[in-house]
Amino acid sequence: MDKSSALEYINQIFPNEASLSGIEPLMQKIQNEIRTVDVGILAAVRQQSNSRTKAIEDLAAATTAVEVVSLPPSLALSIVF
């Protein structure tokens, strides 16, 4: 948003000095929206972190499986069982 469109937006919401009395409720609404977005971002970051941890665990399991399959059959069976 450039300066002129931001100024136009503010002038639409507060067209005169008397309308500035409504600034506190607007500020509260904006702060609540910011909190909601923050909660969503935090949840997304946690989800991504959990997904990363799961991916690392899955990769380790797959790597182990490939190593076992690459062993001679007699040795691989002794590891599996």
C-alpha atoms as a PDB file:
ATOM      1  CA  MET A   1       0.000   0.000   0.000  1.00  0.00           C
ATOM      2  CA  ASP A   2       1.538   3.318  -0.997  1.00  0.00           C
ATOM      3  CA  LYS A   3       1.262   6.524   1.060  1.00  0.00           C
ATOM      4  CA  SER A   4      -1.549   8.050  -0.987  1.00  0.00           C
ATOM      5  CA  SER A   5      -3.789   4.978  -0.762  1.00  0.00           C
ATOM      6  CA  ALA A   6      -3.084   4.675   2.980  1.00  0.00           C
ATOM      7  CA  LEU A   7      -4.014   8.324   3.429  1.00  0.00           C
ATOM      8  CA  GLU A   8      -7.184   7.855   1.372  1.00  0.00           C
ATOM      9  CA  TYR A   9      -8.138   4.860   3.512  1.00  0.00           C
ATOM     10  CA  ILE A  10      -7.638   6.817   6.747  1.00  0.00           C
ATOM     11  CA  ASN A  11      -9.625   9.743   5.368  1.00  0.00           C
ATOM     12  CA  GLN A  12     -12.489   7.377   4.489  1.00  0.00           C
ATOM     13  CA  ILE A  13     -12.593   5.980   8.014  1.00  0.00           C
ATOM     14  CA  PHE A  14     -12.111   9.371   9.699  1.00  0.00           C
ATOM     15  CA  PRO A  15     -13.501  12.001   7.320  1.00  0.00           C
ATOM     16  CA  ASN A  16     -13.586  14.738   9.981  1.00  0.00           C
ATOM     17  CA  GLU A  17     -12.268  15.563  13.437  1.00  0.00           C
ATOM     18  CA  ALA A  18     -15.434  14.398  15.182  1.00  0.00           C
ATOM     19  CA  SER A  19     -15.042  10.924  13.690  1.00  0.00           C
ATOM     20  CA  LEU A  20     -11.707  10.517  15.493  1.00  0.00           C
ATOM     21  CA  SER A  21     -13.683   9.583  18.606  1.00  0.00           C
ATOM     22  CA  GLY A  22     -14.034   6.146  16.998  1.00  0.00           C
ATOM     23  CA  ILE A  23     -10.295   5.543  16.899  1.00  0.00           C
ATOM     24  CA  GLU A  24     -10.101   3.514  20.145  1.00  0.00           C
ATOM     25  CA  PRO A  25     -12.589   0.817  19.048  1.00  0.00           C
ATOM     26  CA  LEU A  26     -10.802   0.583  15.701  1.00  0.00           C
ATOM     27  CA  MET A  27      -7.437   0.227  17.438  1.00  0.00           C
ATOM     28  CA  GLN A  28      -8.851  -2.567  19.631  1.00  0.00           C
ATOM     29  CA  LYS A  29     -10.241  -4.341  16.582  1.00  0.00           C
ATOM     30  CA  ILE A  30      -6.905  -4.106  14.773  1.00  0.00           C
ATOM     31  CA  GLN A  31      -5.009  -5.344  17.851  1.00  0.00           C
ATOM     32  CA  ASN A  32      -7.385  -8.316  18.127  1.00  0.00           C
ATOM     33  CA  GLU A  33      -6.841  -9.137  14.466  1.00  0.00           C
ATOM     34  CA  ILE A  34      -3.072  -8.946  14.978  1.00  0.00           C
ATOM     35  CA  ARG A  35      -3.331 -11.350  17.932  1.00  0.00           C
ATOM     36  CA  THR A  36      -5.397 -13.755  15.831  1.00  0.00           C
ATOM     37  CA  VAL A  37      -2.833 -13.664  13.023  1.00  0.00           C
ATOM     38  CA  ASP A  38      -0.003 -14.140  15.548  1.00  0.00           C
ATOM     39  CA  VAL A  39      -1.721 -17.245  16.956  1.00  0.00           C
ATOM     40  CA  GLY A  40      -2.122 -18.618  13.431  1.00  0.00           C
ATOM     41  CA  ILE A  41       1.526 -17.978  12.605  1.00  0.00           C
ATOM     42  CA  LEU A  42       2.673 -19.639  15.826  1.00  0.00           C
ATOM     43  CA  ALA A  43       0.504 -22.686  15.093  1.00  0.00           C
ATOM     44  CA  ALA A  44       1.926 -22.910  11.561  1.00  0.00           C
ATOM     45  CA  VAL A  45       5.503 -22.679  12.859  1.00  0.00           C
ATOM     46  CA  ARG A  46       4.835 -25.422  15.416  1.00  0.00           C
ATOM     47  CA  GLN A  47       3.242 -27.605  12.737  1.00  0.00           C
ATOM     48  CA  GLN A  48       6.243 -27.106  10.470  1.00  0.00           C
ATOM     49  CA  SER A  49       8.605 -27.963  13.311  1.00  0.00           C
ATOM     50  CA  ASN A  50       6.673 -31.150  14.073  1.00  0.00           C
ATOM     51  CA  SER A  51       6.670 -32.076  10.386  1.00  0.00           C
ATOM     52  CA  ARG A  52      10.431 -31.536  10.221  1.00  0.00           C
ATOM     53  CA  THR A  53      10.996 -33.758  13.260  1.00  0.00           C
ATOM     54  CA  LYS A  54       8.803 -36.486  11.752  1.00  0.00           C
ATOM     55  CA  ALA A  55      10.622 -36.216   8.412  1.00  0.00           C
ATOM     56  CA  ILE A  56      13.998 -36.608  10.136  1.00  0.00           C
ATOM     57  CA  GLU A  57      12.744 -39.694  12.002  1.00  0.00           C
ATOM     58  CA  ASP A  58      11.321 -41.196   8.807  1.00  0.00           C
ATOM     59  CA  LEU A  59      14.574 -40.557   6.942  1.00  0.00           C
ATOM     60  CA  ALA A  60      16.577 -42.253   9.701  1.00  0.00           C
ATOM     61  CA  ALA A  61      14.267 -45.286   9.583  1.00  0.00           C
ATOM     62  CA  ALA A  62      14.524 -45.481   5.791  1.00  0.00           C
ATOM     63  CA  THR A  63      18.304 -45.158   5.928  1.00  0.00           C
ATOM     64  CA  THR A  64      18.491 -48.001   8.451  1.00  0.00           C
ATOM     65  CA  ALA A  65      16.219 -50.140   6.278  1.00  0.00           C
ATOM     66  CA  VAL A  66      18.411 -49.538   3.229  1.00  0.00           C
ATOM     67  CA  GLU A  67      21.517 -50.417   5.240  1.00  0.00           C
ATOM     68  CA  VAL A  68      19.908 -53.671   6.447  1.00  0.00           C
ATOM     69  CA  VAL A  69      18.814 -54.615   2.922  1.00  0.00           C
ATOM     70  CA  SER A  70      22.359 -53.956   1.690  1.00  0.00           C
ATOM     71  CA  LEU A  71      23.852 -56.459   4.152  1.00  0.00           C
ATOM     72  CA  PRO A  72      24.484 -60.094   3.270  1.00  0.00           C
ATOM     73  CA  PRO A  73      21.251 -62.092   3.801  1.00  0.00           C
ATOM     74  CA  SER A  74      22.510 -64.090   6.780  1.00  0.00           C
ATOM     75  CA  LEU A  75      23.630 -60.951   8.616  1.00  0.00           C
ATOM     76  CA  ALA A  76      20.495 -59.002   7.687  1.00  0.00           C
ATOM     77  CA  LEU A  77      18.259 -61.743   9.120  1.00  0.00           C
ATOM     78  CA  SER A  78      20.146 -61.713  12.413  1.00  0.00           C
ATOM     79  CA  ILE A  79      19.581 -57.936  12.716  1.00  0.00           C
ATOM     80  CA  VAL A  80      15.895 -58.042  11.788  1.00  0.00           C
ATOM     81  CA  PHE A  81      15.027 -60.966  14.068  1.00  0.00           C
END
